[in-house]
Each structure stands twice: as C-alpha cells, then as structure tokens.
Amino acid sequence: MSNQRTSRPKPPPPGNEEATATLNLGEFQNVDTLTLSEASLVLNALVAKRRNDRKNVNET
C-alpha cells in the first residue's frame, strides 16, 4: 500500500505566533489575559447571541 497524502498540508498561521518551549503570542505577547469570570461572560454572551440569531450553538 502506498503512503500517498490524503489531504494538503496545513498552511502556516498568519502573524508570528509560535507554540514552542517559549510561547510567542505575536501582537498579544504583553496583553493581560481574561479572568475565568470574564471568559465565562464572553462565552455566555456568544452562545446567547447565536441562539437569538437561530444559528447552531455548537458551530464555531
């Protein structure tokens, strides 16, 4: 059986983000992160908006 590729290679992400031993976040390098409460508020608002727009809640 041959080892032919079944899909194309993933293109590199735009920007200079990099996940190595030293994490490089590009333009977000020195930005404060969201707290758990803030992240929860953002996600809950997104789910509510999608429900109101009648879109599938599980879509990204």
PDB file of N, CA and C in Angstrom:
ATOM      1  N   MET A   1       0.849  -1.182   0.000  1.00  0.00           N
ATOM      2  CA  MET A   1       0.000   0.000   0.000  1.00  0.00           C
ATOM      3  C   MET A   1       0.893   1.243   0.000  1.00  0.00           C
ATOM      4  N   SER A   2       0.570   2.216  -0.818  1.00  0.00           N
ATOM      5  CA  SER A   2       1.393   3.425  -0.910  1.00  0.00           C
ATOM      6  C   SER A   2       1.033   4.417   0.202  1.00  0.00           C
ATOM      7  N   ASN A   3       1.979   5.282   0.505  1.00  0.00           N
ATOM      8  CA  ASN A   3       1.761   6.303   1.533  1.00  0.00           C
ATOM      9  C   ASN A   3       1.459   7.653   0.895  1.00  0.00           C
ATOM     10  N   GLN A   4       0.421   7.717   0.088  1.00  0.00           N
ATOM     11  CA  GLN A   4       0.048   8.975  -0.543  1.00  0.00           C
ATOM     12  C   GLN A   4      -0.672   9.863   0.464  1.00  0.00           C
ATOM     13  N   ARG A   5      -0.449  11.157   0.308  1.00  0.00           N
ATOM     14  CA  ARG A   5      -1.144  12.106   1.179  1.00  0.00           C
ATOM     15  C   ARG A   5      -2.622  12.135   0.818  1.00  0.00           C
ATOM     16  N   THR A   6      -3.476  12.152   1.826  1.00  0.00           N
ATOM     17  CA  THR A   6      -4.912  12.234   1.580  1.00  0.00           C
ATOM     18  C   THR A   6      -5.433  13.649   1.765  1.00  0.00           C
ATOM     19  N   SER A   7      -4.598  14.538   2.259  1.00  0.00           N
ATOM     20  CA  SER A   7      -5.007  15.933   2.414  1.00  0.00           C
ATOM     21  C   SER A   7      -3.804  16.831   2.188  1.00  0.00           C
ATOM     22  N   ARG A   8      -4.088  18.080   1.944  1.00  0.00           N
ATOM     23  CA  ARG A   8      -2.989  19.025   1.726  1.00  0.00           C
ATOM     24  C   ARG A   8      -2.400  19.462   3.061  1.00  0.00           C
ATOM     25  N   PRO A   9      -1.167  19.916   3.066  1.00  0.00           N
ATOM     26  CA  PRO A   9      -0.543  20.349   4.320  1.00  0.00           C
ATOM     27  C   PRO A   9      -1.219  21.601   4.869  1.00  0.00           C
ATOM     28  N   LYS A  10      -1.228  21.716   6.168  1.00  0.00           N
ATOM     29  CA  LYS A  10      -1.846  22.861   6.828  1.00  0.00           C
ATOM     30  C   LYS A  10      -0.990  24.102   6.587  1.00  0.00           C
ATOM     31  N   PRO A  11      -1.616  25.206   6.133  1.00  0.00           N
ATOM     32  CA  PRO A  11      -0.825  26.418   5.905  1.00  0.00           C
ATOM     33  C   PRO A  11      -0.363  27.023   7.229  1.00  0.00           C
ATOM     34  N   PRO A  12       0.760  27.711   7.240  1.00  0.00           N
ATOM     35  CA  PRO A  12       1.226  28.334   8.483  1.00  0.00           C
ATOM     36  C   PRO A  12       0.276  29.448   8.912  1.00  0.00           C
ATOM     37  N   PRO A  13       0.093  29.647  10.209  1.00  0.00           N
ATOM     38  CA  PRO A  13      -0.811  30.699  10.676  1.00  0.00           C
ATOM     39  C   PRO A  13      -0.254  32.076  10.351  1.00  0.00           C
ATOM     40  N   PRO A  14      -1.155  33.044  10.124  1.00  0.00           N
ATOM     41  CA  PRO A  14      -0.666  34.400   9.866  1.00  0.00           C
ATOM     42  C   PRO A  14      -0.049  34.993  11.129  1.00  0.00           C
ATOM     43  N   GLY A  15       0.852  35.912  10.973  1.00  0.00           N
ATOM     44  CA  GLY A  15       1.483  36.532  12.139  1.00  0.00           C
ATOM     45  C   GLY A  15       2.677  35.734  12.599  1.00  0.00           C
ATOM     46  N   ASN A  16       3.153  36.054  13.777  1.00  0.00           N
ATOM     47  CA  ASN A  16       4.349  35.381  14.283  1.00  0.00           C
ATOM     48  C   ASN A  16       4.063  34.597  15.557  1.00  0.00           C
ATOM     49  N   GLU A  17       2.844  34.026  15.662  1.00  0.00           N
ATOM     50  CA  GLU A  17       2.525  33.187  16.804  1.00  0.00           C
ATOM     51  C   GLU A  17       3.297  31.876  16.696  1.00  0.00           C
ATOM     52  N   GLU A  18       3.699  31.349  17.844  1.00  0.00           N
ATOM     53  CA  GLU A  18       4.523  30.147  17.831  1.00  0.00           C
ATOM     54  C   GLU A  18       4.370  29.438  19.172  1.00  0.00           C
ATOM     55  N   ALA A  19       4.123  28.128  19.135  1.00  0.00           N
ATOM     56  CA  ALA A  19       3.995  27.342  20.353  1.00  0.00           C
ATOM     57  C   ALA A  19       5.200  26.416  20.460  1.00  0.00           C
ATOM     58  N   THR A  20       6.257  26.895  21.067  1.00  0.00           N
ATOM     59  CA  THR A  20       7.460  26.099  21.301  1.00  0.00           C
ATOM     60  C   THR A  20       7.731  26.126  22.799  1.00  0.00           C
ATOM     61  N   ALA A  21       8.933  25.815  23.203  1.00  0.00           N
ATOM     62  CA  ALA A  21       9.273  25.865  24.627  1.00  0.00           C
ATOM     63  C   ALA A  21       9.033  27.263  25.193  1.00  0.00           C
ATOM     64  N   THR A  22       9.263  28.287  24.365  1.00  0.00           N
ATOM     65  CA  THR A  22       8.948  29.663  24.749  1.00  0.00           C
ATOM     66  C   THR A  22       7.775  30.113  23.896  1.00  0.00           C
ATOM     67  N   LEU A  23       6.644  30.391  24.537  1.00  0.00           N
ATOM     68  CA  LEU A  23       5.425  30.754  23.827  1.00  0.00           C
ATOM     69  C   LEU A  23       5.530  32.155  23.253  1.00  0.00           C
ATOM     70  N   ASN A  24       5.271  32.301  21.949  1.00  0.00           N
ATOM     71  CA  ASN A  24       5.295  33.601  21.280  1.00  0.00           C
ATOM     72  C   ASN A  24       3.877  33.916  20.827  1.00  0.00           C
ATOM     73  N   LEU A  25       3.260  34.950  21.393  1.00  0.00           N
ATOM     74  CA  LEU A  25       1.872  35.285  21.106  1.00  0.00           C
ATOM     75  C   LEU A  25       1.714  36.416  20.106  1.00  0.00           C
ATOM     76  N   GLY A  26       2.779  36.802  19.461  1.00  0.00           N
ATOM     77  CA  GLY A  26       2.694  37.853  18.455  1.00  0.00           C
ATOM     78  C   GLY A  26       2.223  39.161  19.041  1.00  0.00           C
ATOM     79  N   GLU A  27       1.185  39.746  18.428  1.00  0.00           N
ATOM     80  CA  GLU A  27       0.692  41.044  18.884  1.00  0.00           C
ATOM     81  C   GLU A  27       0.065  40.979  20.278  1.00  0.00           C
ATOM     82  N   PHE A  28      -0.226  39.792  20.783  1.00  0.00           N
ATOM     83  CA  PHE A  28      -0.831  39.641  22.104  1.00  0.00           C
ATOM     84  C   PHE A  28       0.194  39.275  23.178  1.00  0.00           C
ATOM     85  N   GLN A  29       1.461  39.424  22.876  1.00  0.00           N
ATOM     86  CA  GLN A  29       2.533  38.993  23.772  1.00  0.00           C
ATOM     87  C   GLN A  29       2.434  39.617  25.168  1.00  0.00           C
ATOM     88  N   ASN A  30       2.216  40.915  25.268  1.00  0.00           N
ATOM     89  CA  ASN A  30       2.207  41.584  26.576  1.00  0.00           C
ATOM     90  C   ASN A  30       0.822  42.071  26.977  1.00  0.00           C
ATOM     91  N   VAL A  31      -0.219  41.381  26.519  1.00  0.00           N
ATOM     92  CA  VAL A  31      -1.597  41.751  26.824  1.00  0.00           C
ATOM     93  C   VAL A  31      -2.077  40.901  27.994  1.00  0.00           C
ATOM     94  N   ASP A  32      -2.795  41.529  28.928  1.00  0.00           N
ATOM     95  CA  ASP A  32      -3.351  40.784  30.057  1.00  0.00           C
ATOM     96  C   ASP A  32      -4.368  39.758  29.563  1.00  0.00           C
ATOM     97  N   THR A  33      -4.415  38.613  30.224  1.00  0.00           N
ATOM     98  CA  THR A  33      -5.376  37.575  29.863  1.00  0.00           C
ATOM     99  C   THR A  33      -6.707  37.840  30.543  1.00  0.00           C
ATOM    100  N   LEU A  34      -7.759  37.176  30.060  1.00  0.00           N
ATOM    101  CA  LEU A  34      -9.065  37.275  30.700  1.00  0.00           C
ATOM    102  C   LEU A  34      -9.072  36.409  31.950  1.00  0.00           C
ATOM    103  N   THR A  35      -9.816  36.851  32.953  1.00  0.00           N
ATOM    104  CA  THR A  35     -10.025  36.003  34.121  1.00  0.00           C
ATOM    105  C   THR A  35     -11.036  34.929  33.735  1.00  0.00           C
ATOM    106  N   LEU A  36     -11.188  33.928  34.569  1.00  0.00           N
ATOM    107  CA  LEU A  36     -12.164  32.882  34.308  1.00  0.00           C
ATOM    108  C   LEU A  36     -13.568  33.473  34.223  1.00  0.00           C
ATOM    109  N   SER A  37     -13.892  34.412  35.102  1.00  0.00           N
ATOM    110  CA  SER A  37     -15.208  35.056  35.092  1.00  0.00           C
ATOM    111  C   SER A  37     -15.431  35.838  33.802  1.00  0.00           C
ATOM    112  N   GLU A  38     -14.414  36.566  33.353  1.00  0.00           N
ATOM    113  CA  GLU A  38     -14.534  37.345  32.118  1.00  0.00           C
ATOM    114  C   GLU A  38     -14.711  36.427  30.911  1.00  0.00           C
ATOM    115  N   ALA A  39     -13.948  35.354  30.875  1.00  0.00           N
ATOM    116  CA  ALA A  39     -14.062  34.407  29.769  1.00  0.00           C
ATOM    117  C   ALA A  39     -15.448  33.763  29.753  1.00  0.00           C
ATOM    118  N   SER A  40     -15.969  33.448  30.923  1.00  0.00           N
ATOM    119  CA  SER A  40     -17.307  32.875  31.028  1.00  0.00           C
ATOM    120  C   SER A  40     -18.360  33.843  30.502  1.00  0.00           C
ATOM    121  N   LEU A  41     -18.235  35.125  30.838  1.00  0.00           N
ATOM    122  CA  LEU A  41     -19.177  36.135  30.345  1.00  0.00           C
ATOM    123  C   LEU A  41     -19.129  36.235  28.820  1.00  0.00           C
ATOM    124  N   VAL A  42     -17.932  36.214  28.264  1.00  0.00           N
ATOM    125  CA  VAL A  42     -17.780  36.298  26.806  1.00  0.00           C
ATOM    126  C   VAL A  42     -18.433  35.093  26.136  1.00  0.00           C
ATOM    127  N   LEU A  43     -18.152  33.894  26.637  1.00  0.00           N
ATOM    128  CA  LEU A  43     -18.707  32.686  26.030  1.00  0.00           C
ATOM    129  C   LEU A  43     -20.222  32.629  26.172  1.00  0.00           C
ATOM    130  N   ASN A  44     -20.739  33.005  27.336  1.00  0.00           N
ATOM    131  CA  ASN A  44     -22.191  33.004  27.539  1.00  0.00           C
ATOM    132  C   ASN A  44     -22.876  34.006  26.619  1.00  0.00           C
ATOM    133  N   ALA A  45     -22.269  35.177  26.425  1.00  0.00           N
ATOM    134  CA  ALA A  45     -22.838  36.176  25.516  1.00  0.00           C
ATOM    135  C   ALA A  45     -22.834  35.657  24.079  1.00  0.00           C
ATOM    136  N   LEU A  46     -21.774  34.970  23.687  1.00  0.00           N
ATOM    137  CA  LEU A  46     -21.691  34.409  22.339  1.00  0.00           C
ATOM    138  C   LEU A  46     -22.770  33.351  22.119  1.00  0.00           C
ATOM    139  N   VAL A  47     -22.956  32.467  23.087  1.00  0.00           N
ATOM    140  CA  VAL A  47     -23.979  31.428  22.974  1.00  0.00           C
ATOM    141  C   VAL A  47     -25.363  32.064  22.897  1.00  0.00           C
ATOM    142  N   ALA A  48     -25.632  33.072  23.726  1.00  0.00           N
ATOM    143  CA  ALA A  48     -26.934  33.741  23.709  1.00  0.00           C
ATOM    144  C   ALA A  48     -27.181  34.421  22.364  1.00  0.00           C
ATOM    145  N   LYS A  49     -26.160  35.065  21.823  1.00  0.00           N
ATOM    146  CA  LYS A  49     -26.315  35.733  20.519  1.00  0.00           C
ATOM    147  C   LYS A  49     -26.608  34.720  19.429  1.00  0.00           C
ATOM    148  N   ARG A  50     -25.918  33.599  19.453  1.00  0.00           N
ATOM    149  CA  ARG A  50     -26.162  32.569  18.436  1.00  0.00           C
ATOM    150  C   ARG A  50     -27.557  31.985  18.570  1.00  0.00           C
ATOM    151  N   ARG A  51     -28.029  31.829  19.794  1.00  0.00           N
ATOM    152  CA  ARG A  51     -29.397  31.339  19.988  1.00  0.00           C
ATOM    153  C   ARG A  51     -30.394  32.337  19.417  1.00  0.00           C
ATOM    154  N   ASN A  52     -30.163  33.616  19.693  1.00  0.00           N
ATOM    155  CA  ASN A  52     -31.059  34.658  19.193  1.00  0.00           C
ATOM    156  C   ASN A  52     -31.014  34.754  17.678  1.00  0.00           C
ATOM    157  N   ASP A  53     -29.871  34.487  17.087  1.00  0.00           N
ATOM    158  CA  ASP A  53     -29.732  34.526  15.632  1.00  0.00           C
ATOM    159  C   ASP A  53     -30.165  33.209  14.991  1.00  0.00           C
ATOM    160  N   ARG A  54     -30.601  32.277  15.807  1.00  0.00           N
ATOM    161  CA  ARG A  54     -31.035  30.942  15.367  1.00  0.00           C
ATOM    162  C   ARG A  54     -29.947  30.178  14.632  1.00  0.00           C
ATOM    163  N   LYS A  55     -28.720  30.360  15.046  1.00  0.00           N
ATOM    164  CA  LYS A  55     -27.611  29.596  14.484  1.00  0.00           C
ATOM    165  C   LYS A  55     -27.329  28.428  15.410  1.00  0.00           C
ATOM    166  N   ASN A  56     -26.664  27.426  14.885  1.00  0.00           N
ATOM    167  CA  ASN A  56     -26.290  26.271  15.687  1.00  0.00           C
ATOM    168  C   ASN A  56     -25.313  26.711  16.776  1.00  0.00           C
ATOM    169  N   VAL A  57     -25.653  26.465  18.020  1.00  0.00           N
ATOM    170  CA  VAL A  57     -24.841  26.891  19.156  1.00  0.00           C
ATOM    171  C   VAL A  57     -23.473  26.227  19.133  1.00  0.00           C
ATOM    172  N   ASN A  58     -23.377  25.025  18.579  1.00  0.00           N
ATOM    173  CA  ASN A  58     -22.116  24.292  18.588  1.00  0.00           C
ATOM    174  C   ASN A  58     -21.200  24.645  17.430  1.00  0.00           C
ATOM    175  N   GLU A  59     -21.654  25.484  16.495  1.00  0.00           N
ATOM    176  CA  GLU A  59     -20.788  25.890  15.396  1.00  0.00           C
ATOM    177  C   GLU A  59     -19.733  26.853  15.891  1.00  0.00           C
ATOM    178  N   THR A  60     -18.616  26.888  15.198  1.00  0.00           N
ATOM    179  CA  THR A  60     -17.573  27.854  15.558  1.00  0.00           C
ATOM    180  C   THR A  60     -17.448  28.898  14.495  1.00  0.00           C
TER     181      THR A  60
END
